[in-house]
Amino acid sequence: MMLPTGTRVLSDPATGRGTLITPGGQVWRLNPAAALATAALAAGGTAQDAEQALIRAWPAVPLESLQADLDALVGRLQDAGVMAR
């Protein structure tokens, strides 16, 4: 489950917020967690890689919460046709 080739994720180092730009020109504004997860996916990583990145960034957040957030993000990207199911 990866993002299409050519997908770019830009992040603001000061805030952690990001922007996802698809090869088709869709633009998504991302909160810091979504920016980190989509950066991992855009780099060719798996959902597991994205989850591990979130765990490293927010170790105090319960795993179930991080997983639910990641599942919701992936679901939205899939529903919008940005990511294959």
PDB file of N, CA and C in Angstrom:
ATOM      1  N   MET A   1       0.851  -1.164   0.000  1.00  0.00           N
ATOM      2  CA  MET A   1       0.000   0.000   0.000  1.00  0.00           C
ATOM      3  C   MET A   1       0.902   1.234   0.000  1.00  0.00           C
ATOM      4  N   MET A   2       1.181   1.710  -1.182  1.00  0.00           N
ATOM      5  CA  MET A   2       2.041   2.876  -1.316  1.00  0.00           C
ATOM      6  C   MET A   2       1.287   3.971  -2.058  1.00  0.00           C
ATOM      7  N   LEU A   3       1.849   5.146  -1.986  1.00  0.00           N
ATOM      8  CA  LEU A   3       1.319   6.249  -2.770  1.00  0.00           C
ATOM      9  C   LEU A   3       1.882   6.133  -4.182  1.00  0.00           C
ATOM     10  N   PRO A   4       1.182   6.667  -5.176  1.00  0.00           N
ATOM     11  CA  PRO A   4       1.663   6.564  -6.553  1.00  0.00           C
ATOM     12  C   PRO A   4       3.034   7.233  -6.735  1.00  0.00           C
ATOM     13  N   THR A   5       3.804   6.694  -7.686  1.00  0.00           N
ATOM     14  CA  THR A   5       5.089   7.294  -8.029  1.00  0.00           C
ATOM     15  C   THR A   5       4.858   8.739  -8.448  1.00  0.00           C
ATOM     16  N   GLY A   6       5.704   9.618  -7.975  1.00  0.00           N
ATOM     17  CA  GLY A   6       5.574  11.033  -8.296  1.00  0.00           C
ATOM     18  C   GLY A   6       4.827  11.834  -7.246  1.00  0.00           C
ATOM     19  N   THR A   7       4.279  11.158  -6.246  1.00  0.00           N
ATOM     20  CA  THR A   7       3.619  11.865  -5.149  1.00  0.00           C
ATOM     21  C   THR A   7       4.691  12.571  -4.329  1.00  0.00           C
ATOM     22  N   ARG A   8       4.431  13.818  -3.993  1.00  0.00           N
ATOM     23  CA  ARG A   8       5.392  14.581  -3.184  1.00  0.00           C
ATOM     24  C   ARG A   8       4.753  14.984  -1.867  1.00  0.00           C
ATOM     25  N   VAL A   9       5.562  14.942  -0.820  1.00  0.00           N
ATOM     26  CA  VAL A   9       5.128  15.410   0.492  1.00  0.00           C
ATOM     27  C   VAL A   9       6.128  16.469   0.934  1.00  0.00           C
ATOM     28  N   LEU A  10       5.640  17.664   1.138  1.00  0.00           N
ATOM     29  CA  LEU A  10       6.467  18.775   1.598  1.00  0.00           C
ATOM     30  C   LEU A  10       6.088  19.058   3.041  1.00  0.00           C
ATOM     31  N   SER A  11       7.087  19.265   3.897  1.00  0.00           N
ATOM     32  CA  SER A  11       6.821  19.522   5.311  1.00  0.00           C
ATOM     33  C   SER A  11       7.471  20.820   5.752  1.00  0.00           C
ATOM     34  N   ASP A  12       6.778  21.521   6.626  1.00  0.00           N
ATOM     35  CA  ASP A  12       7.320  22.728   7.236  1.00  0.00           C
ATOM     36  C   ASP A  12       8.060  22.309   8.499  1.00  0.00           C
ATOM     37  N   PRO A  13       9.383  22.447   8.532  1.00  0.00           N
ATOM     38  CA  PRO A  13      10.131  21.990   9.705  1.00  0.00           C
ATOM     39  C   PRO A  13       9.758  22.725  10.997  1.00  0.00           C
ATOM     40  N   ALA A  14       9.240  23.928  10.885  1.00  0.00           N
ATOM     41  CA  ALA A  14       8.892  24.696  12.083  1.00  0.00           C
ATOM     42  C   ALA A  14       7.613  24.177  12.728  1.00  0.00           C
ATOM     43  N   THR A  15       6.651  23.743  11.906  1.00  0.00           N
ATOM     44  CA  THR A  15       5.350  23.337  12.452  1.00  0.00           C
ATOM     45  C   THR A  15       5.088  21.841  12.314  1.00  0.00           C
ATOM     46  N   GLY A  16       5.781  21.181  11.391  1.00  0.00           N
ATOM     47  CA  GLY A  16       5.531  19.776  11.133  1.00  0.00           C
ATOM     48  C   GLY A  16       4.380  19.553  10.166  1.00  0.00           C
ATOM     49  N   ARG A  17       3.630  20.607   9.875  1.00  0.00           N
ATOM     50  CA  ARG A  17       2.515  20.471   8.935  1.00  0.00           C
ATOM     51  C   ARG A  17       3.061  20.206   7.543  1.00  0.00           C
ATOM     52  N   GLY A  18       2.229  19.608   6.699  1.00  0.00           N
ATOM     53  CA  GLY A  18       2.717  19.263   5.378  1.00  0.00           C
ATOM     54  C   GLY A  18       1.690  19.462   4.290  1.00  0.00           C
ATOM     55  N   THR A  19       2.164  19.240   3.080  1.00  0.00           N
ATOM     56  CA  THR A  19       1.326  19.300   1.893  1.00  0.00           C
ATOM     57  C   THR A  19       1.627  18.071   1.058  1.00  0.00           C
ATOM     58  N   LEU A  20       0.595  17.372   0.654  1.00  0.00           N
ATOM     59  CA  LEU A  20       0.713  16.216  -0.222  1.00  0.00           C
ATOM     60  C   LEU A  20       0.264  16.664  -1.605  1.00  0.00           C
ATOM     61  N   ILE A  21       1.115  16.411  -2.598  1.00  0.00           N
ATOM     62  CA  ILE A  21       0.787  16.763  -3.977  1.00  0.00           C
ATOM     63  C   ILE A  21       0.841  15.480  -4.795  1.00  0.00           C
ATOM     64  N   THR A  22      -0.286  15.111  -5.389  1.00  0.00           N
ATOM     65  CA  THR A  22      -0.353  13.876  -6.163  1.00  0.00           C
ATOM     66  C   THR A  22       0.131  14.127  -7.591  1.00  0.00           C
ATOM     67  N   PRO A  23       0.479  13.067  -8.307  1.00  0.00           N
ATOM     68  CA  PRO A  23       0.881  13.241  -9.699  1.00  0.00           C
ATOM     69  C   PRO A  23      -0.213  13.892 -10.550  1.00  0.00           C
ATOM     70  N   GLY A  24      -1.468  13.707 -10.156  1.00  0.00           N
ATOM     71  CA  GLY A  24      -2.586  14.304 -10.880  1.00  0.00           C
ATOM     72  C   GLY A  24      -2.881  15.743 -10.496  1.00  0.00           C
ATOM     73  N   GLY A  25      -2.129  16.273  -9.530  1.00  0.00           N
ATOM     74  CA  GLY A  25      -2.298  17.666  -9.142  1.00  0.00           C
ATOM     75  C   GLY A  25      -3.188  17.915  -7.944  1.00  0.00           C
ATOM     76  N   GLN A  26      -3.708  16.856  -7.306  1.00  0.00           N
ATOM     77  CA  GLN A  26      -4.484  17.066  -6.080  1.00  0.00           C
ATOM     78  C   GLN A  26      -3.535  17.574  -4.993  1.00  0.00           C
ATOM     79  N   VAL A  27      -4.031  18.485  -4.174  1.00  0.00           N
ATOM     80  CA  VAL A  27      -3.244  19.031  -3.074  1.00  0.00           C
ATOM     81  C   VAL A  27      -4.002  18.791  -1.775  1.00  0.00           C
ATOM     82  N   TRP A  28      -3.312  18.204  -0.822  1.00  0.00           N
ATOM     83  CA  TRP A  28      -3.879  17.929   0.492  1.00  0.00           C
ATOM     84  C   TRP A  28      -3.047  18.653   1.539  1.00  0.00           C
ATOM     85  N   ARG A  29      -3.689  19.324   2.456  1.00  0.00           N
ATOM     86  CA  ARG A  29      -3.015  19.922   3.613  1.00  0.00           C
ATOM     87  C   ARG A  29      -2.990  18.869   4.716  1.00  0.00           C
ATOM     88  N   LEU A  30      -1.846  18.718   5.359  1.00  0.00           N
ATOM     89  CA  LEU A  30      -1.670  17.644   6.330  1.00  0.00           C
ATOM     90  C   LEU A  30      -1.260  18.168   7.700  1.00  0.00           C
ATOM     91  N   ASN A  31      -1.813  17.555   8.752  1.00  0.00           N
ATOM     92  CA  ASN A  31      -1.335  17.854  10.101  1.00  0.00           C
ATOM     93  C   ASN A  31       0.011  17.136  10.275  1.00  0.00           C
ATOM     94  N   PRO A  32       0.726  17.385  11.345  1.00  0.00           N
ATOM     95  CA  PRO A  32       2.060  16.781  11.494  1.00  0.00           C
ATOM     96  C   PRO A  32       2.079  15.256  11.436  1.00  0.00           C
ATOM     97  N   ALA A  33       1.097  14.598  12.034  1.00  0.00           N
ATOM     98  CA  ALA A  33       1.078  13.134  12.001  1.00  0.00           C
ATOM     99  C   ALA A  33       0.834  12.631  10.581  1.00  0.00           C
ATOM    100  N   ALA A  34      -0.112  13.236   9.886  1.00  0.00           N
ATOM    101  CA  ALA A  34      -0.396  12.833   8.511  1.00  0.00           C
ATOM    102  C   ALA A  34       0.794  13.121   7.600  1.00  0.00           C
ATOM    103  N   ALA A  35       1.475  14.237   7.833  1.00  0.00           N
ATOM    104  CA  ALA A  35       2.658  14.568   7.025  1.00  0.00           C
ATOM    105  C   ALA A  35       3.744  13.513   7.208  1.00  0.00           C
ATOM    106  N   LEU A  36       3.967  13.100   8.438  1.00  0.00           N
ATOM    107  CA  LEU A  36       4.987  12.088   8.715  1.00  0.00           C
ATOM    108  C   LEU A  36       4.607  10.745   8.089  1.00  0.00           C
ATOM    109  N   ALA A  37       3.356  10.347   8.241  1.00  0.00           N
ATOM    110  CA  ALA A  37       2.911   9.063   7.699  1.00  0.00           C
ATOM    111  C   ALA A  37       2.947   9.057   6.173  1.00  0.00           C
ATOM    112  N   THR A  38       2.465  10.118   5.547  1.00  0.00           N
ATOM    113  CA  THR A  38       2.459  10.142   4.090  1.00  0.00           C
ATOM    114  C   THR A  38       3.872  10.262   3.527  1.00  0.00           C
ATOM    115  N   ALA A  39       4.769  10.913   4.248  1.00  0.00           N
ATOM    116  CA  ALA A  39       6.168  10.972   3.802  1.00  0.00           C
ATOM    117  C   ALA A  39       6.759   9.560   3.771  1.00  0.00           C
ATOM    118  N   ALA A  40       6.452   8.761   4.777  1.00  0.00           N
ATOM    119  CA  ALA A  40       6.939   7.376   4.804  1.00  0.00           C
ATOM    120  C   ALA A  40       6.349   6.578   3.644  1.00  0.00           C
ATOM    121  N   LEU A  41       5.071   6.763   3.367  1.00  0.00           N
ATOM    122  CA  LEU A  41       4.425   6.049   2.265  1.00  0.00           C
ATOM    123  C   LEU A  41       4.946   6.527   0.908  1.00  0.00           C
ATOM    124  N   ALA A  42       5.142   7.833   0.761  1.00  0.00           N
ATOM    125  CA  ALA A  42       5.629   8.380  -0.506  1.00  0.00           C
ATOM    126  C   ALA A  42       7.064   7.928  -0.796  1.00  0.00           C
ATOM    127  N   ALA A  43       7.806   7.615   0.249  1.00  0.00           N
ATOM    128  CA  ALA A  43       9.188   7.142   0.083  1.00  0.00           C
ATOM    129  C   ALA A  43       9.231   5.654  -0.257  1.00  0.00           C
ATOM    130  N   GLY A  44       8.066   5.051  -0.456  1.00  0.00           N
ATOM    131  CA  GLY A  44       8.010   3.639  -0.808  1.00  0.00           C
ATOM    132  C   GLY A  44       7.763   2.725   0.366  1.00  0.00           C
ATOM    133  N   GLY A  45       7.500   3.314   1.523  1.00  0.00           N
ATOM    134  CA  GLY A  45       7.262   2.518   2.720  1.00  0.00           C
ATOM    135  C   GLY A  45       5.877   1.923   2.763  1.00  0.00           C
ATOM    136  N   THR A  46       5.701   1.040   3.705  1.00  0.00           N
ATOM    137  CA  THR A  46       4.421   0.381   3.926  1.00  0.00           C
ATOM    138  C   THR A  46       3.661   1.081   5.048  1.00  0.00           C
ATOM    139  N   ALA A  47       2.447   0.627   5.287  1.00  0.00           N
ATOM    140  CA  ALA A  47       1.684   1.160   6.410  1.00  0.00           C
ATOM    141  C   ALA A  47       2.421   0.879   7.719  1.00  0.00           C
ATOM    142  N   GLN A  48       3.095  -0.265   7.795  1.00  0.00           N
ATOM    143  CA  GLN A  48       3.888  -0.599   8.988  1.00  0.00           C
ATOM    144  C   GLN A  48       5.023   0.404   9.182  1.00  0.00           C
ATOM    145  N   ASP A  49       5.676   0.812   8.088  1.00  0.00           N
ATOM    146  CA  ASP A  49       6.738   1.813   8.168  1.00  0.00           C
ATOM    147  C   ASP A  49       6.184   3.145   8.662  1.00  0.00           C
ATOM    148  N   ALA A  50       5.025   3.514   8.157  1.00  0.00           N
ATOM    149  CA  ALA A  50       4.387   4.762   8.585  1.00  0.00           C
ATOM    150  C   ALA A  50       4.026   4.692  10.064  1.00  0.00           C
ATOM    151  N   GLU A  51       3.507   3.546  10.485  1.00  0.00           N
ATOM    152  CA  GLU A  51       3.155   3.359  11.891  1.00  0.00           C
ATOM    153  C   GLU A  51       4.393   3.480  12.783  1.00  0.00           C
ATOM    154  N   GLN A  52       5.483   2.869  12.381  1.00  0.00           N
ATOM    155  CA  GLN A  52       6.715   2.944  13.172  1.00  0.00           C
ATOM    156  C   GLN A  52       7.232   4.376  13.261  1.00  0.00           C
ATOM    157  N   ALA A  53       7.109   5.131  12.187  1.00  0.00           N
ATOM    158  CA  ALA A  53       7.520   6.542  12.209  1.00  0.00           C
ATOM    159  C   ALA A  53       6.680   7.329  13.211  1.00  0.00           C
ATOM    160  N   LEU A  54       5.380   7.046  13.252  1.00  0.00           N
ATOM    161  CA  LEU A  54       4.501   7.725  14.210  1.00  0.00           C
ATOM    162  C   LEU A  54       4.853   7.340  15.648  1.00  0.00           C
ATOM    163  N   ILE A  55       5.146   6.074  15.866  1.00  0.00           N
ATOM    164  CA  ILE A  55       5.516   5.605  17.209  1.00  0.00           C
ATOM    165  C   ILE A  55       6.796   6.294  17.682  1.00  0.00           C
ATOM    166  N   ARG A  56       7.771   6.423  16.787  1.00  0.00           N
ATOM    167  CA  ARG A  56       9.029   7.099  17.160  1.00  0.00           C
ATOM    168  C   ARG A  56       8.798   8.577  17.467  1.00  0.00           C
ATOM    169  N   ALA A  57       7.926   9.207  16.701  1.00  0.00           N
ATOM    170  CA  ALA A  57       7.688  10.646  16.881  1.00  0.00           C
ATOM    171  C   ALA A  57       6.844  10.949  18.111  1.00  0.00           C
ATOM    172  N   TRP A  58       5.894  10.075  18.427  1.00  0.00           N
ATOM    173  CA  TRP A  58       4.975  10.309  19.549  1.00  0.00           C
ATOM    174  C   TRP A  58       4.901   9.065  20.437  1.00  0.00           C
ATOM    175  N   PRO A  59       5.989   8.749  21.145  1.00  0.00           N
ATOM    176  CA  PRO A  59       6.007   7.528  21.952  1.00  0.00           C
ATOM    177  C   PRO A  59       5.000   7.524  23.110  1.00  0.00           C
ATOM    178  N   ALA A  60       4.569   8.685  23.547  1.00  0.00           N
ATOM    179  CA  ALA A  60       3.632   8.744  24.675  1.00  0.00           C
ATOM    180  C   ALA A  60       2.181   8.521  24.247  1.00  0.00           C
ATOM    181  N   VAL A  61       1.918   8.583  22.959  1.00  0.00           N
ATOM    182  CA  VAL A  61       0.552   8.396  22.468  1.00  0.00           C
ATOM    183  C   VAL A  61       0.271   6.891  22.393  1.00  0.00           C
ATOM    184  N   PRO A  62      -0.871   6.447  22.895  1.00  0.00           N
ATOM    185  CA  PRO A  62      -1.185   5.016  22.842  1.00  0.00           C
ATOM    186  C   PRO A  62      -1.174   4.482  21.406  1.00  0.00           C
ATOM    187  N   LEU A  63      -0.638   3.287  21.261  1.00  0.00           N
ATOM    188  CA  LEU A  63      -0.529   2.655  19.954  1.00  0.00           C
ATOM    189  C   LEU A  63      -1.881   2.577  19.248  1.00  0.00           C
ATOM    190  N   GLU A  64      -2.927   2.271  19.984  1.00  0.00           N
ATOM    191  CA  GLU A  64      -4.253   2.151  19.391  1.00  0.00           C
ATOM    192  C   GLU A  64      -4.694   3.466  18.750  1.00  0.00           C
ATOM    193  N   SER A  65      -4.352   4.569  19.382  1.00  0.00           N
ATOM    194  CA  SER A  65      -4.704   5.886  18.851  1.00  0.00           C
ATOM    195  C   SER A  65      -3.934   6.177  17.567  1.00  0.00           C
ATOM    196  N   LEU A  66      -2.633   5.869  17.567  1.00  0.00           N
ATOM    197  CA  LEU A  66      -1.817   6.076  16.369  1.00  0.00           C
ATOM    198  C   LEU A  66      -2.325   5.206  15.221  1.00  0.00           C
ATOM    199  N   GLN A  67      -2.665   3.959  15.517  1.00  0.00           N
ATOM    200  CA  GLN A  67      -3.162   3.055  14.484  1.00  0.00           C
ATOM    201  C   GLN A  67      -4.498   3.545  13.923  1.00  0.00           C
ATOM    202  N   ALA A  68      -5.374   4.022  14.798  1.00  0.00           N
ATOM    203  CA  ALA A  68      -6.679   4.519  14.354  1.00  0.00           C
ATOM    204  C   ALA A  68      -6.503   5.745  13.458  1.00  0.00           C
ATOM    205  N   ASP A  69      -5.598   6.642  13.836  1.00  0.00           N
ATOM    206  CA  ASP A  69      -5.337   7.826  13.019  1.00  0.00           C
ATOM    207  C   ASP A  69      -4.778   7.425  11.654  1.00  0.00           C
ATOM    208  N   LEU A  70      -3.842   6.483  11.634  1.00  0.00           N
ATOM    209  CA  LEU A  70      -3.250   6.034  10.378  1.00  0.00           C
ATOM    210  C   LEU A  70      -4.299   5.347   9.507  1.00  0.00           C
ATOM    211  N   ASP A  71      -5.120   4.505  10.111  1.00  0.00           N
ATOM    212  CA  ASP A  71      -6.184   3.833   9.361  1.00  0.00           C
ATOM    213  C   ASP A  71      -7.146   4.853   8.747  1.00  0.00           C
ATOM    214  N   ALA A  72      -7.487   5.884   9.500  1.00  0.00           N
ATOM    215  CA  ALA A  72      -8.391   6.919   8.990  1.00  0.00           C
ATOM    216  C   ALA A  72      -7.752   7.675   7.826  1.00  0.00           C
ATOM    217  N   LEU A  73      -6.477   7.998   7.952  1.00  0.00           N
ATOM    218  CA  LEU A  73      -5.771   8.704   6.885  1.00  0.00           C
ATOM    219  C   LEU A  73      -5.736   7.857   5.620  1.00  0.00           C
ATOM    220  N   VAL A  74      -5.330   6.604   5.755  1.00  0.00           N
ATOM    221  CA  VAL A  74      -5.251   5.709   4.602  1.00  0.00           C
ATOM    222  C   VAL A  74      -6.638   5.545   3.968  1.00  0.00           C
ATOM    223  N   GLY A  75      -7.658   5.416   4.784  1.00  0.00           N
ATOM    224  CA  GLY A  75      -9.020   5.301   4.268  1.00  0.00           C
ATOM    225  C   GLY A  75      -9.439   6.520   3.454  1.00  0.00           C
ATOM    226  N   ARG A  76      -9.101   7.710   3.947  1.00  0.00           N
ATOM    227  CA  ARG A  76      -9.448   8.934   3.216  1.00  0.00           C
ATOM    228  C   ARG A  76      -8.696   9.000   1.886  1.00  0.00           C
ATOM    229  N   LEU A  77      -7.410   8.639   1.911  1.00  0.00           N
ATOM    230  CA  LEU A  77      -6.619   8.653   0.682  1.00  0.00           C
ATOM    231  C   LEU A  77      -7.153   7.638  -0.323  1.00  0.00           C
ATOM    232  N   GLN A  78      -7.560   6.486   0.163  1.00  0.00           N
ATOM    233  CA  GLN A  78      -8.131   5.460  -0.720  1.00  0.00           C
ATOM    234  C   GLN A  78      -9.480   5.916  -1.277  1.00  0.00           C
ATOM    235  N   ASP A  79     -10.316   6.478  -0.430  1.00  0.00           N
ATOM    236  CA  ASP A  79     -11.639   6.945  -0.866  1.00  0.00           C
ATOM    237  C   ASP A  79     -11.521   8.028  -1.936  1.00  0.00           C
ATOM    238  N   ALA A  80     -10.467   8.844  -1.844  1.00  0.00           N
ATOM    239  CA  ALA A  80     -10.261   9.926  -2.807  1.00  0.00           C
ATOM    240  C   ALA A  80      -9.546   9.447  -4.068  1.00  0.00           C
ATOM    241  N   GLY A  81      -9.134   8.165  -4.089  1.00  0.00           N
ATOM    242  CA  GLY A  81      -8.449   7.628  -5.251  1.00  0.00           C
ATOM    243  C   GLY A  81      -6.972   7.974  -5.313  1.00  0.00           C
ATOM    244  N   VAL A  82      -6.449   8.520  -4.218  1.00  0.00           N
ATOM    245  CA  VAL A  82      -5.035   8.876  -4.168  1.00  0.00           C
ATOM    246  C   VAL A  82      -4.175   7.643  -3.946  1.00  0.00           C
ATOM    247  N   MET A  83      -4.713   6.659  -3.247  1.00  0.00           N
ATOM    248  CA  MET A  83      -3.993   5.444  -2.911  1.00  0.00           C
ATOM    249  C   MET A  83      -4.876   4.251  -3.267  1.00  0.00           C
ATOM    250  N   ALA A  84      -4.260   3.223  -3.836  1.00  0.00           N
ATOM    251  CA  ALA A  84      -5.014   2.012  -4.174  1.00  0.00           C
ATOM    252  C   ALA A  84      -5.426   1.271  -2.914  1.00  0.00           C
ATOM    253  N   ARG A  85      -6.497   0.550  -3.011  1.00  0.00           N
ATOM    254  CA  ARG A  85      -6.970  -0.243  -1.870  1.00  0.00           C
ATOM    255  C   ARG A  85      -6.205  -1.520  -1.766  1.00  0.00           C
TER     256      ARG A  85
END
